[in-house]
């Protein structure tokens, strides 16, 4: 039985490696098509960005699968998790809704929908500002804090997995290059950019 399990796991890894190889070929071909249509464009530079974008998508897919595998007592998405952790790491686990919207770079409507769903699940509560009734705060409940503390080790490990076979020097180099990519984009396309990670827009609040 143990041997069968190892054989199945090895076969699964082989399939995943083959799929990744195909994905890399697809990105390379896409970049080359840009160059074929626009010879002045650098296919290598385009492939770098396409690979970066796919890395983000792969990570988000892994996050979704990881959250689903935990069988939590409440529904959890990447957007919900990001909002909860934003509150968890804030002072007193409390932030004004407009601050959350600005931090995550999503509309106030989307933040309101997310908070509505989290409030129904008793993970977040709204706290009025006695000095200004127009301002509403979102604060973690005890249940919300417990969920965050339950999720944090698993999600931190998932983040580390992305560079698990990197040396410290390679991690430092990649980090510096990624920050450089961000600066290049911002300099070439000035405007407002969120300070944080942002979240995917959710079409509606969870039931």
N, C-alpha and C. Protein backbone atom coordinates (compact mmCIF):
# COMPACT_ATOMS: atom_id res chain seq x y z
N UNK A 1 0.83 -1.21 0.00
CA UNK A 1 0.00 0.00 0.00
C UNK A 1 0.86 1.26 0.00
N UNK A 2 1.95 1.24 0.82
CA UNK A 2 2.83 2.40 0.89
C UNK A 2 3.51 2.63 -0.44
N UNK A 3 3.98 1.50 -1.05
CA UNK A 3 4.65 1.61 -2.34
C UNK A 3 3.70 2.15 -3.42
N UNK A 4 2.44 1.68 -3.38
CA UNK A 4 1.44 2.16 -4.34
C UNK A 4 1.22 3.65 -4.18
N UNK A 5 1.18 4.10 -2.90
CA UNK A 5 0.98 5.52 -2.64
C UNK A 5 2.13 6.35 -3.18
N UNK A 6 3.37 5.85 -3.01
CA UNK A 6 4.55 6.57 -3.50
C UNK A 6 4.55 6.62 -5.03
N UNK A 7 4.14 5.50 -5.65
CA UNK A 7 4.09 5.45 -7.11
C UNK A 7 3.09 6.45 -7.66
N UNK A 8 1.91 6.53 -7.01
CA UNK A 8 0.87 7.47 -7.43
C UNK A 8 1.34 8.91 -7.26
N UNK A 9 2.02 9.19 -6.14
CA UNK A 9 2.52 10.55 -5.89
C UNK A 9 3.57 10.92 -6.93
N UNK A 10 4.45 9.97 -7.27
CA UNK A 10 5.49 10.22 -8.27
C UNK A 10 4.88 10.49 -9.63
N UNK A 11 3.83 9.72 -9.98
CA UNK A 11 3.16 9.92 -11.27
C UNK A 11 2.49 11.29 -11.32
N UNK A 12 1.90 11.69 -10.19
CA UNK A 12 1.24 12.99 -10.12
C UNK A 12 2.24 14.12 -10.33
N UNK A 13 3.42 13.99 -9.71
CA UNK A 13 4.45 15.02 -9.87
C UNK A 13 4.96 15.08 -11.30
N UNK A 14 5.04 13.92 -11.96
CA UNK A 14 5.48 13.89 -13.35
C UNK A 14 4.48 14.64 -14.24
N UNK A 15 3.18 14.42 -14.00
CA UNK A 15 2.14 15.10 -14.77
C UNK A 15 2.23 16.61 -14.54
N UNK A 16 2.41 17.02 -13.27
CA UNK A 16 2.50 18.45 -12.96
C UNK A 16 3.72 19.08 -13.64
N UNK A 17 4.85 18.33 -13.66
CA UNK A 17 6.05 18.85 -14.31
C UNK A 17 5.82 19.01 -15.80
N UNK A 18 5.12 18.03 -16.42
CA UNK A 18 4.82 18.11 -17.85
C UNK A 18 3.91 19.30 -18.14
N UNK A 19 2.91 19.52 -17.27
CA UNK A 19 1.99 20.64 -17.46
C UNK A 19 2.73 21.97 -17.34
N UNK A 20 3.66 22.06 -16.40
CA UNK A 20 4.44 23.28 -16.24
C UNK A 20 5.30 23.53 -17.46
N UNK A 21 5.90 22.46 -17.99
CA UNK A 21 6.72 22.59 -19.19
C UNK A 21 5.90 23.11 -20.37
N UNK A 22 4.67 22.60 -20.49
CA UNK A 22 3.77 23.06 -21.56
C UNK A 22 3.42 24.54 -21.35
N UNK A 23 3.14 24.91 -20.10
CA UNK A 23 2.80 26.31 -19.79
C UNK A 23 3.95 27.24 -20.16
N UNK A 24 5.17 26.82 -19.87
CA UNK A 24 6.33 27.64 -20.23
C UNK A 24 6.46 27.80 -21.74
N UNK A 25 6.19 26.71 -22.47
CA UNK A 25 6.23 26.79 -23.93
C UNK A 25 5.17 27.75 -24.46
N UNK A 26 3.99 27.73 -23.84
CA UNK A 26 2.89 28.62 -24.26
C UNK A 26 3.28 30.08 -24.04
N UNK A 27 3.87 30.38 -22.89
CA UNK A 27 4.28 31.76 -22.60
C UNK A 27 5.37 32.21 -23.57
N UNK A 28 6.30 31.31 -23.83
CA UNK A 28 7.40 31.64 -24.75
C UNK A 28 6.85 31.93 -26.15
N UNK A 29 5.90 31.10 -26.59
CA UNK A 29 5.30 31.30 -27.91
C UNK A 29 4.50 32.60 -27.96
N UNK A 30 3.80 32.92 -26.87
CA UNK A 30 3.01 34.16 -26.83
C UNK A 30 3.92 35.37 -26.96
N UNK A 31 5.03 35.34 -26.21
CA UNK A 31 5.98 36.45 -26.27
C UNK A 31 6.57 36.58 -27.68
N UNK A 32 6.85 35.45 -28.30
CA UNK A 32 7.43 35.47 -29.64
C UNK A 32 6.45 36.05 -30.66
N UNK A 33 5.15 35.77 -30.46
CA UNK A 33 4.14 36.32 -31.38
C UNK A 33 4.11 37.84 -31.32
N UNK A 34 4.28 38.39 -30.09
CA UNK A 34 4.35 39.85 -29.97
C UNK A 34 5.54 40.38 -30.78
N UNK A 35 6.67 39.69 -30.65
CA UNK A 35 7.88 40.13 -31.35
C UNK A 35 7.71 40.00 -32.86
N UNK A 36 7.04 38.92 -33.30
CA UNK A 36 6.82 38.74 -34.74
C UNK A 36 5.98 39.87 -35.33
N UNK A 37 4.98 40.32 -34.55
CA UNK A 37 4.11 41.40 -35.02
C UNK A 37 4.77 42.76 -34.85
N UNK A 38 5.59 42.87 -33.81
CA UNK A 38 6.26 44.15 -33.49
C UNK A 38 7.74 43.87 -33.30
N UNK A 39 8.53 43.81 -34.36
CA UNK A 39 9.93 43.41 -34.29
C UNK A 39 10.79 44.24 -33.33
N UNK A 40 10.38 45.48 -33.05
CA UNK A 40 11.16 46.32 -32.14
C UNK A 40 10.97 45.91 -30.68
N UNK A 41 9.92 45.10 -30.41
CA UNK A 41 9.65 44.67 -29.05
C UNK A 41 10.56 43.50 -28.66
N UNK A 42 10.97 43.49 -27.40
CA UNK A 42 11.88 42.47 -26.88
C UNK A 42 11.07 41.27 -26.38
N UNK A 43 11.15 40.15 -27.09
CA UNK A 43 10.39 38.95 -26.71
C UNK A 43 10.77 38.46 -25.32
N UNK A 44 12.03 38.58 -24.97
CA UNK A 44 12.49 38.12 -23.65
C UNK A 44 11.86 38.94 -22.54
N UNK A 45 11.79 40.25 -22.74
CA UNK A 45 11.18 41.13 -21.73
C UNK A 45 9.70 40.82 -21.57
N UNK A 46 9.03 40.56 -22.69
CA UNK A 46 7.60 40.24 -22.63
C UNK A 46 7.38 38.90 -21.93
N UNK A 47 8.23 37.92 -22.22
CA UNK A 47 8.10 36.61 -21.58
C UNK A 47 8.30 36.71 -20.06
N UNK A 48 9.23 37.57 -19.65
CA UNK A 48 9.46 37.76 -18.21
C UNK A 48 8.19 38.20 -17.51
N UNK A 49 7.51 39.20 -18.10
CA UNK A 49 6.30 39.70 -17.46
C UNK A 49 5.18 38.66 -17.52
N UNK A 50 5.05 37.95 -18.63
CA UNK A 50 4.03 36.91 -18.73
C UNK A 50 4.27 35.82 -17.68
N UNK A 51 5.53 35.48 -17.45
CA UNK A 51 5.87 34.48 -16.44
C UNK A 51 5.52 34.99 -15.05
N UNK A 52 5.76 36.29 -14.83
CA UNK A 52 5.43 36.88 -13.53
C UNK A 52 3.93 36.86 -13.29
N UNK A 53 3.16 37.22 -14.31
CA UNK A 53 1.70 37.21 -14.18
C UNK A 53 1.16 35.81 -13.94
N UNK A 54 1.73 34.83 -14.63
CA UNK A 54 1.26 33.45 -14.40
C UNK A 54 1.64 32.97 -13.00
N UNK A 55 2.78 33.42 -12.50
CA UNK A 55 3.17 33.05 -11.13
C UNK A 55 2.12 33.51 -10.13
N UNK A 56 1.60 34.72 -10.34
CA UNK A 56 0.56 35.25 -9.45
C UNK A 56 -0.70 34.40 -9.56
N UNK A 57 -1.08 34.04 -10.79
CA UNK A 57 -2.28 33.22 -10.98
C UNK A 57 -2.11 31.84 -10.36
N UNK A 58 -0.93 31.24 -10.53
CA UNK A 58 -0.67 29.92 -9.95
C UNK A 58 -0.76 29.99 -8.43
N UNK A 59 -0.20 31.06 -7.86
CA UNK A 59 -0.24 31.21 -6.40
C UNK A 59 -1.68 31.36 -5.92
N UNK A 60 -2.47 32.16 -6.62
CA UNK A 60 -3.87 32.36 -6.21
C UNK A 60 -4.66 31.05 -6.28
N UNK A 61 -4.37 30.25 -7.31
CA UNK A 61 -5.03 28.95 -7.42
C UNK A 61 -4.64 28.06 -6.25
N UNK A 62 -3.35 28.08 -5.90
CA UNK A 62 -2.87 27.27 -4.76
C UNK A 62 -3.52 27.73 -3.46
N UNK A 63 -3.69 29.04 -3.29
CA UNK A 63 -4.34 29.58 -2.09
C UNK A 63 -5.77 29.08 -2.00
N UNK A 64 -6.50 29.14 -3.12
CA UNK A 64 -7.89 28.67 -3.14
C UNK A 64 -7.98 27.21 -2.75
N UNK A 65 -7.11 26.39 -3.33
CA UNK A 65 -7.12 24.96 -3.03
C UNK A 65 -6.77 24.70 -1.57
N UNK A 66 -5.81 25.45 -1.07
CA UNK A 66 -5.39 25.27 0.33
C UNK A 66 -6.52 25.63 1.28
N UNK A 67 -7.19 26.74 1.02
CA UNK A 67 -8.30 27.16 1.87
C UNK A 67 -9.43 26.14 1.84
N UNK A 68 -9.72 25.61 0.66
CA UNK A 68 -10.79 24.61 0.54
C UNK A 68 -10.44 23.33 1.28
N UNK A 69 -9.15 22.97 1.30
CA UNK A 69 -8.74 21.71 1.93
C UNK A 69 -8.81 21.76 3.46
N UNK A 70 -8.85 22.97 4.02
CA UNK A 70 -8.83 23.10 5.47
C UNK A 70 -10.18 22.79 6.12
N UNK A 71 -11.25 22.77 5.31
CA UNK A 71 -12.59 22.46 5.82
C UNK A 71 -12.94 23.32 7.04
N UNK A 72 -12.80 24.62 6.85
CA UNK A 72 -13.11 25.57 7.92
C UNK A 72 -14.62 25.61 8.18
N UNK A 73 -15.03 26.06 9.36
CA UNK A 73 -16.46 26.14 9.66
C UNK A 73 -17.17 27.28 8.93
N UNK A 74 -16.40 28.10 8.22
CA UNK A 74 -16.98 29.21 7.44
C UNK A 74 -16.37 29.20 6.05
N UNK A 75 -17.07 29.80 5.09
CA UNK A 75 -16.53 29.93 3.75
C UNK A 75 -15.33 30.88 3.76
N UNK A 76 -14.28 30.53 3.02
CA UNK A 76 -13.09 31.37 3.00
C UNK A 76 -12.55 31.47 1.57
N UNK A 77 -12.30 32.68 1.14
CA UNK A 77 -11.68 32.94 -0.16
C UNK A 77 -10.40 33.74 0.07
N UNK A 78 -9.62 33.90 -1.00
CA UNK A 78 -8.41 34.69 -0.88
C UNK A 78 -8.71 36.12 -0.47
N UNK A 79 -9.79 36.69 -1.02
CA UNK A 79 -10.17 38.07 -0.67
C UNK A 79 -10.56 38.17 0.80
N UNK A 80 -11.35 37.22 1.27
CA UNK A 80 -11.76 37.22 2.68
C UNK A 80 -10.54 37.09 3.59
N UNK A 81 -9.65 36.18 3.24
CA UNK A 81 -8.45 35.97 4.06
C UNK A 81 -7.60 37.24 4.11
N UNK A 82 -7.42 37.89 2.96
CA UNK A 82 -6.60 39.11 2.92
C UNK A 82 -7.21 40.20 3.79
N UNK A 83 -8.53 40.35 3.72
CA UNK A 83 -9.19 41.37 4.54
C UNK A 83 -9.05 41.05 6.03
N UNK A 84 -9.26 39.79 6.38
CA UNK A 84 -9.14 39.39 7.79
C UNK A 84 -7.73 39.65 8.31
N UNK A 85 -6.70 39.29 7.51
CA UNK A 85 -5.33 39.48 7.98
C UNK A 85 -4.95 40.96 8.02
N UNK A 86 -5.56 41.77 7.14
CA UNK A 86 -5.33 43.22 7.19
C UNK A 86 -5.82 43.76 8.53
N UNK A 87 -6.98 43.29 8.98
CA UNK A 87 -7.50 43.70 10.28
C UNK A 87 -6.64 43.10 11.41
N UNK A 88 -6.24 41.85 11.27
CA UNK A 88 -5.47 41.17 12.32
C UNK A 88 -4.17 41.91 12.62
N UNK A 89 -3.51 42.40 11.57
CA UNK A 89 -2.22 43.06 11.75
C UNK A 89 -2.35 44.55 12.06
N UNK A 90 -3.55 45.09 12.04
CA UNK A 90 -3.74 46.50 12.36
C UNK A 90 -3.83 46.70 13.87
N UNK A 91 -3.63 47.91 14.28
CA UNK A 91 -3.71 48.22 15.71
C UNK A 91 -5.13 47.98 16.22
N UNK A 92 -5.23 47.23 17.28
CA UNK A 92 -6.52 46.88 17.90
C UNK A 92 -7.42 46.10 16.95
N UNK A 93 -6.83 45.52 15.87
CA UNK A 93 -7.60 44.72 14.90
C UNK A 93 -8.81 45.49 14.38
N UNK A 94 -8.60 46.78 14.14
CA UNK A 94 -9.71 47.66 13.76
C UNK A 94 -9.23 48.68 12.73
N UNK A 95 -10.05 48.88 11.68
CA UNK A 95 -9.75 49.87 10.65
C UNK A 95 -11.05 50.46 10.13
N UNK A 96 -11.00 51.72 9.72
CA UNK A 96 -12.15 52.33 9.06
C UNK A 96 -12.32 51.70 7.68
N UNK A 97 -13.56 51.57 7.23
CA UNK A 97 -13.81 50.91 5.96
C UNK A 97 -13.12 51.61 4.80
N UNK A 98 -13.05 52.94 4.83
CA UNK A 98 -12.37 53.64 3.73
C UNK A 98 -10.86 53.37 3.75
N UNK A 99 -10.30 53.13 4.95
CA UNK A 99 -8.88 52.76 5.04
C UNK A 99 -8.65 51.37 4.44
N UNK A 100 -9.56 50.45 4.70
CA UNK A 100 -9.44 49.10 4.14
C UNK A 100 -9.53 49.18 2.63
N UNK A 101 -10.48 49.96 2.13
CA UNK A 101 -10.64 50.11 0.68
C UNK A 101 -9.37 50.66 0.04
N UNK A 102 -8.76 51.65 0.68
CA UNK A 102 -7.53 52.24 0.16
C UNK A 102 -6.37 51.26 0.25
N UNK A 103 -6.27 50.55 1.36
CA UNK A 103 -5.17 49.60 1.58
C UNK A 103 -5.21 48.45 0.57
N UNK A 104 -6.41 47.95 0.26
CA UNK A 104 -6.54 46.80 -0.62
C UNK A 104 -6.82 47.18 -2.07
N UNK A 105 -6.98 48.48 -2.31
CA UNK A 105 -7.18 48.99 -3.67
C UNK A 105 -8.41 48.38 -4.34
N UNK A 106 -9.51 48.33 -3.61
CA UNK A 106 -10.78 47.88 -4.18
C UNK A 106 -11.85 48.90 -3.82
N UNK A 107 -12.96 48.84 -4.53
CA UNK A 107 -14.01 49.83 -4.31
C UNK A 107 -14.65 49.67 -2.94
N UNK A 108 -15.24 50.75 -2.46
CA UNK A 108 -15.93 50.69 -1.17
C UNK A 108 -17.11 49.72 -1.22
N UNK A 109 -17.73 49.63 -2.39
CA UNK A 109 -18.85 48.69 -2.53
C UNK A 109 -18.39 47.26 -2.33
N UNK A 110 -17.24 46.91 -2.93
CA UNK A 110 -16.72 45.56 -2.79
C UNK A 110 -16.32 45.28 -1.35
N UNK A 111 -15.70 46.27 -0.69
CA UNK A 111 -15.32 46.10 0.72
C UNK A 111 -16.56 45.93 1.57
N UNK A 112 -17.60 46.71 1.28
CA UNK A 112 -18.85 46.59 2.03
C UNK A 112 -19.44 45.19 1.89
N UNK A 113 -19.43 44.65 0.67
CA UNK A 113 -19.95 43.30 0.45
C UNK A 113 -19.15 42.26 1.21
N UNK A 114 -17.83 42.41 1.18
CA UNK A 114 -16.97 41.46 1.91
C UNK A 114 -17.25 41.52 3.41
N UNK A 115 -17.33 42.73 3.94
CA UNK A 115 -17.57 42.89 5.37
C UNK A 115 -18.95 42.37 5.75
N UNK A 116 -19.94 42.60 4.89
CA UNK A 116 -21.29 42.07 5.15
C UNK A 116 -21.23 40.55 5.36
N UNK A 117 -20.53 39.86 4.46
CA UNK A 117 -20.44 38.41 4.56
C UNK A 117 -19.67 37.97 5.79
N UNK A 118 -18.57 38.65 6.10
CA UNK A 118 -17.77 38.31 7.27
C UNK A 118 -18.54 38.60 8.56
N UNK A 119 -19.36 39.63 8.51
CA UNK A 119 -20.17 39.97 9.68
C UNK A 119 -21.23 38.89 9.92
N UNK A 120 -21.83 38.39 8.84
CA UNK A 120 -22.83 37.33 8.99
C UNK A 120 -22.21 36.06 9.58
N UNK A 121 -20.93 35.85 9.29
CA UNK A 121 -20.25 34.66 9.82
C UNK A 121 -19.60 34.93 11.18
N UNK A 122 -19.88 36.10 11.75
CA UNK A 122 -19.35 36.47 13.06
C UNK A 122 -17.82 36.49 13.10
N UNK A 123 -17.21 36.91 11.99
CA UNK A 123 -15.76 37.06 11.94
C UNK A 123 -15.35 38.52 12.10
N UNK A 124 -16.26 39.40 11.72
CA UNK A 124 -16.01 40.84 11.79
C UNK A 124 -17.27 41.51 12.32
N UNK A 125 -17.08 42.60 13.05
CA UNK A 125 -18.22 43.40 13.49
C UNK A 125 -17.98 44.86 13.13
N UNK A 126 -19.06 45.57 12.86
CA UNK A 126 -18.95 46.99 12.57
C UNK A 126 -19.01 47.77 13.88
N UNK A 127 -18.13 48.76 13.98
CA UNK A 127 -18.05 49.58 15.19
C UNK A 127 -18.22 51.04 14.79
N UNK A 128 -19.26 51.72 15.28
CA UNK A 128 -19.46 53.13 14.91
C UNK A 128 -18.42 54.03 15.56
N UNK A 129 -18.15 55.14 14.90
CA UNK A 129 -17.25 56.15 15.45
C UNK A 129 -18.11 57.17 16.20
N UNK A 130 -17.98 57.23 17.52
CA UNK A 130 -18.85 58.15 18.29
C UNK A 130 -18.64 59.61 17.92
N UNK A 131 -17.46 59.93 17.36
CA UNK A 131 -17.16 61.32 17.02
C UNK A 131 -17.66 61.69 15.62
N UNK A 132 -17.91 60.68 14.78
CA UNK A 132 -18.33 60.95 13.41
C UNK A 132 -19.17 59.76 12.92
N UNK A 133 -20.47 59.94 12.88
CA UNK A 133 -21.35 58.85 12.50
C UNK A 133 -21.19 58.42 11.05
N UNK A 134 -20.53 59.25 10.25
CA UNK A 134 -20.33 58.90 8.85
C UNK A 134 -19.24 57.85 8.70
N UNK A 135 -18.42 57.69 9.73
CA UNK A 135 -17.29 56.76 9.67
C UNK A 135 -17.65 55.47 10.39
N UNK A 136 -17.49 54.35 9.69
CA UNK A 136 -17.76 53.04 10.27
C UNK A 136 -16.47 52.22 10.28
N UNK A 137 -16.20 51.57 11.39
CA UNK A 137 -15.01 50.73 11.52
C UNK A 137 -15.38 49.26 11.39
N UNK A 138 -14.43 48.48 10.92
CA UNK A 138 -14.57 47.02 10.92
C UNK A 138 -13.55 46.48 11.91
N UNK A 139 -14.00 45.57 12.77
CA UNK A 139 -13.11 45.03 13.80
C UNK A 139 -13.28 43.51 13.86
N UNK A 140 -12.16 42.81 14.06
CA UNK A 140 -12.23 41.36 14.20
C UNK A 140 -12.98 40.98 15.46
N UNK A 141 -13.79 39.95 15.36
CA UNK A 141 -14.40 39.37 16.55
C UNK A 141 -13.43 38.33 17.11
N UNK A 142 -13.77 37.77 18.25
CA UNK A 142 -12.92 36.70 18.80
C UNK A 142 -12.87 35.51 17.85
N UNK A 143 -14.02 35.23 17.24
CA UNK A 143 -14.03 34.12 16.28
C UNK A 143 -13.16 34.43 15.08
N UNK A 144 -13.19 35.69 14.63
CA UNK A 144 -12.35 36.09 13.51
C UNK A 144 -10.88 35.98 13.84
N UNK A 145 -10.51 36.38 15.05
CA UNK A 145 -9.11 36.28 15.47
C UNK A 145 -8.68 34.81 15.55
N UNK A 146 -9.56 33.96 16.02
CA UNK A 146 -9.24 32.53 16.11
C UNK A 146 -9.01 31.94 14.72
N UNK A 147 -9.87 32.32 13.77
CA UNK A 147 -9.71 31.83 12.39
C UNK A 147 -8.39 32.31 11.81
N UNK A 148 -8.03 33.57 12.04
CA UNK A 148 -6.76 34.11 11.54
C UNK A 148 -5.58 33.33 12.10
N UNK A 149 -5.62 33.06 13.40
CA UNK A 149 -4.52 32.34 14.04
C UNK A 149 -4.46 30.89 13.57
N UNK A 150 -5.60 30.35 13.18
CA UNK A 150 -5.63 28.99 12.63
C UNK A 150 -5.05 28.96 11.21
N UNK A 151 -5.34 29.99 10.43
CA UNK A 151 -4.91 30.03 9.05
C UNK A 151 -3.45 30.45 8.86
N UNK A 152 -2.96 31.31 9.73
CA UNK A 152 -1.67 31.95 9.51
C UNK A 152 -0.51 30.99 9.27
N UNK A 153 -0.32 29.95 10.10
CA UNK A 153 0.83 29.06 9.85
C UNK A 153 0.76 28.37 8.49
N UNK A 154 -0.43 27.90 8.11
CA UNK A 154 -0.60 27.22 6.82
C UNK A 154 -0.33 28.16 5.66
N UNK A 155 -0.87 29.38 5.73
CA UNK A 155 -0.70 30.32 4.64
C UNK A 155 0.73 30.84 4.56
N UNK A 156 1.39 31.00 5.70
CA UNK A 156 2.79 31.44 5.70
C UNK A 156 3.67 30.37 5.06
N UNK A 157 3.36 29.11 5.37
CA UNK A 157 4.12 28.02 4.76
C UNK A 157 3.92 27.98 3.25
N UNK A 158 2.68 28.24 2.81
CA UNK A 158 2.40 28.27 1.38
C UNK A 158 3.20 29.37 0.71
N UNK A 159 3.32 30.53 1.35
CA UNK A 159 4.11 31.63 0.78
C UNK A 159 5.58 31.26 0.68
N UNK A 160 6.08 30.55 1.69
CA UNK A 160 7.48 30.14 1.68
C UNK A 160 7.77 29.10 0.60
N UNK A 161 6.76 28.29 0.27
CA UNK A 161 6.94 27.23 -0.72
C UNK A 161 7.41 27.77 -2.07
N UNK A 162 7.02 29.00 -2.39
CA UNK A 162 7.34 29.57 -3.71
C UNK A 162 8.86 29.66 -3.93
N UNK A 163 9.61 29.85 -2.87
CA UNK A 163 11.08 29.97 -3.01
C UNK A 163 11.79 28.95 -2.12
N UNK A 164 11.17 27.79 -1.92
CA UNK A 164 11.71 26.81 -0.97
C UNK A 164 13.08 26.27 -1.37
N UNK A 165 13.39 26.24 -2.68
CA UNK A 165 14.70 25.73 -3.10
C UNK A 165 15.66 26.85 -3.49
N UNK A 166 15.34 28.09 -3.10
CA UNK A 166 16.21 29.23 -3.37
C UNK A 166 17.23 29.38 -2.25
N UNK A 167 18.41 29.84 -2.60
CA UNK A 167 19.39 30.22 -1.57
C UNK A 167 19.02 31.60 -1.03
N UNK A 168 19.54 31.96 0.14
CA UNK A 168 19.27 33.32 0.66
C UNK A 168 19.65 34.41 -0.34
N UNK A 169 20.76 34.23 -1.03
CA UNK A 169 21.18 35.23 -2.02
C UNK A 169 20.20 35.31 -3.18
N UNK A 170 19.68 34.16 -3.61
CA UNK A 170 18.72 34.15 -4.72
C UNK A 170 17.42 34.83 -4.31
N UNK A 171 16.99 34.59 -3.07
CA UNK A 171 15.77 35.26 -2.59
C UNK A 171 15.96 36.77 -2.57
N UNK A 172 17.10 37.20 -2.05
CA UNK A 172 17.38 38.64 -1.97
C UNK A 172 17.44 39.26 -3.37
N UNK A 173 18.04 38.55 -4.30
CA UNK A 173 18.16 39.06 -5.67
C UNK A 173 16.78 39.14 -6.32
N UNK A 174 15.98 38.08 -6.16
CA UNK A 174 14.64 38.08 -6.76
C UNK A 174 13.79 39.20 -6.16
N UNK A 175 13.86 39.37 -4.85
CA UNK A 175 13.10 40.43 -4.18
C UNK A 175 13.48 41.80 -4.75
N UNK A 176 14.78 42.04 -4.90
CA UNK A 176 15.24 43.33 -5.42
C UNK A 176 14.76 43.53 -6.86
N UNK A 177 14.78 42.47 -7.64
CA UNK A 177 14.34 42.58 -9.04
C UNK A 177 12.84 42.84 -9.13
N UNK A 178 12.05 42.20 -8.27
CA UNK A 178 10.61 42.40 -8.29
C UNK A 178 10.25 43.83 -7.88
N UNK A 179 10.93 44.35 -6.86
CA UNK A 179 10.68 45.75 -6.47
C UNK A 179 11.09 46.68 -7.62
N UNK A 180 12.14 46.31 -8.33
CA UNK A 180 12.58 47.12 -9.47
C UNK A 180 11.53 47.09 -10.57
N UNK A 181 10.93 45.93 -10.82
CA UNK A 181 9.85 45.81 -11.80
C UNK A 181 8.70 46.74 -11.41
N UNK A 182 8.32 46.73 -10.12
CA UNK A 182 7.24 47.59 -9.66
C UNK A 182 7.56 49.06 -9.92
N UNK A 183 8.80 49.47 -9.59
CA UNK A 183 9.19 50.87 -9.79
C UNK A 183 9.17 51.23 -11.27
N UNK A 184 9.64 50.31 -12.12
CA UNK A 184 9.65 50.59 -13.56
C UNK A 184 8.23 50.82 -14.09
N UNK A 185 7.30 49.97 -13.66
CA UNK A 185 5.91 50.11 -14.13
C UNK A 185 5.31 51.43 -13.65
N UNK A 186 5.54 51.76 -12.38
CA UNK A 186 4.99 52.99 -11.82
C UNK A 186 5.58 54.22 -12.50
N UNK A 187 6.89 54.19 -12.77
CA UNK A 187 7.53 55.32 -13.44
C UNK A 187 7.04 55.49 -14.87
N UNK A 188 6.80 54.35 -15.56
CA UNK A 188 6.33 54.42 -16.95
C UNK A 188 4.85 54.78 -17.04
N UNK A 189 4.10 54.45 -15.98
CA UNK A 189 2.65 54.70 -15.97
C UNK A 189 2.26 55.32 -14.63
N UNK A 190 2.56 56.61 -14.45
CA UNK A 190 2.29 57.28 -13.17
C UNK A 190 0.81 57.24 -12.80
N UNK A 191 0.55 57.22 -11.53
CA UNK A 191 -0.82 57.21 -11.03
C UNK A 191 -0.85 56.64 -9.63
N UNK A 192 -2.05 56.48 -9.11
CA UNK A 192 -2.18 55.93 -7.76
C UNK A 192 -2.11 54.42 -7.79
N UNK A 193 -1.29 53.86 -6.93
CA UNK A 193 -1.19 52.41 -6.78
C UNK A 193 -1.33 52.07 -5.29
N UNK A 194 -2.02 50.99 -5.00
CA UNK A 194 -2.22 50.62 -3.60
C UNK A 194 -0.89 50.26 -2.94
N UNK A 195 -0.83 50.47 -1.64
CA UNK A 195 0.38 50.12 -0.89
C UNK A 195 0.46 48.63 -0.62
N UNK A 196 -0.71 48.00 -0.56
CA UNK A 196 -0.73 46.58 -0.19
C UNK A 196 -0.88 45.68 -1.40
N UNK A 197 -1.32 44.45 -1.13
CA UNK A 197 -1.43 43.44 -2.17
C UNK A 197 -2.64 43.62 -3.05
N UNK A 198 -3.71 44.20 -2.50
CA UNK A 198 -4.97 44.25 -3.22
C UNK A 198 -5.65 42.89 -3.13
N UNK A 199 -6.89 42.83 -3.57
CA UNK A 199 -7.64 41.57 -3.57
C UNK A 199 -8.42 41.47 -4.87
N UNK A 200 -8.74 40.24 -5.25
CA UNK A 200 -9.57 40.04 -6.43
C UNK A 200 -10.97 40.55 -6.13
N UNK A 201 -11.57 41.17 -7.12
CA UNK A 201 -12.95 41.63 -6.98
C UNK A 201 -13.87 40.41 -6.88
N UNK A 202 -14.76 40.42 -5.90
CA UNK A 202 -15.74 39.34 -5.79
C UNK A 202 -17.08 39.85 -6.29
N UNK A 203 -17.75 39.07 -7.14
CA UNK A 203 -18.99 39.55 -7.76
C UNK A 203 -20.09 39.86 -6.78
N UNK A 204 -20.11 39.14 -5.64
CA UNK A 204 -21.16 39.39 -4.65
C UNK A 204 -20.72 38.82 -3.32
N UNK A 205 -21.41 39.25 -2.27
CA UNK A 205 -21.08 38.74 -0.95
C UNK A 205 -21.43 37.27 -0.87
N UNK A 206 -20.69 36.54 -0.03
CA UNK A 206 -20.99 35.14 0.16
C UNK A 206 -22.29 34.98 0.93
N UNK A 207 -23.08 33.96 0.62
CA UNK A 207 -24.35 33.77 1.31
C UNK A 207 -24.13 33.33 2.75
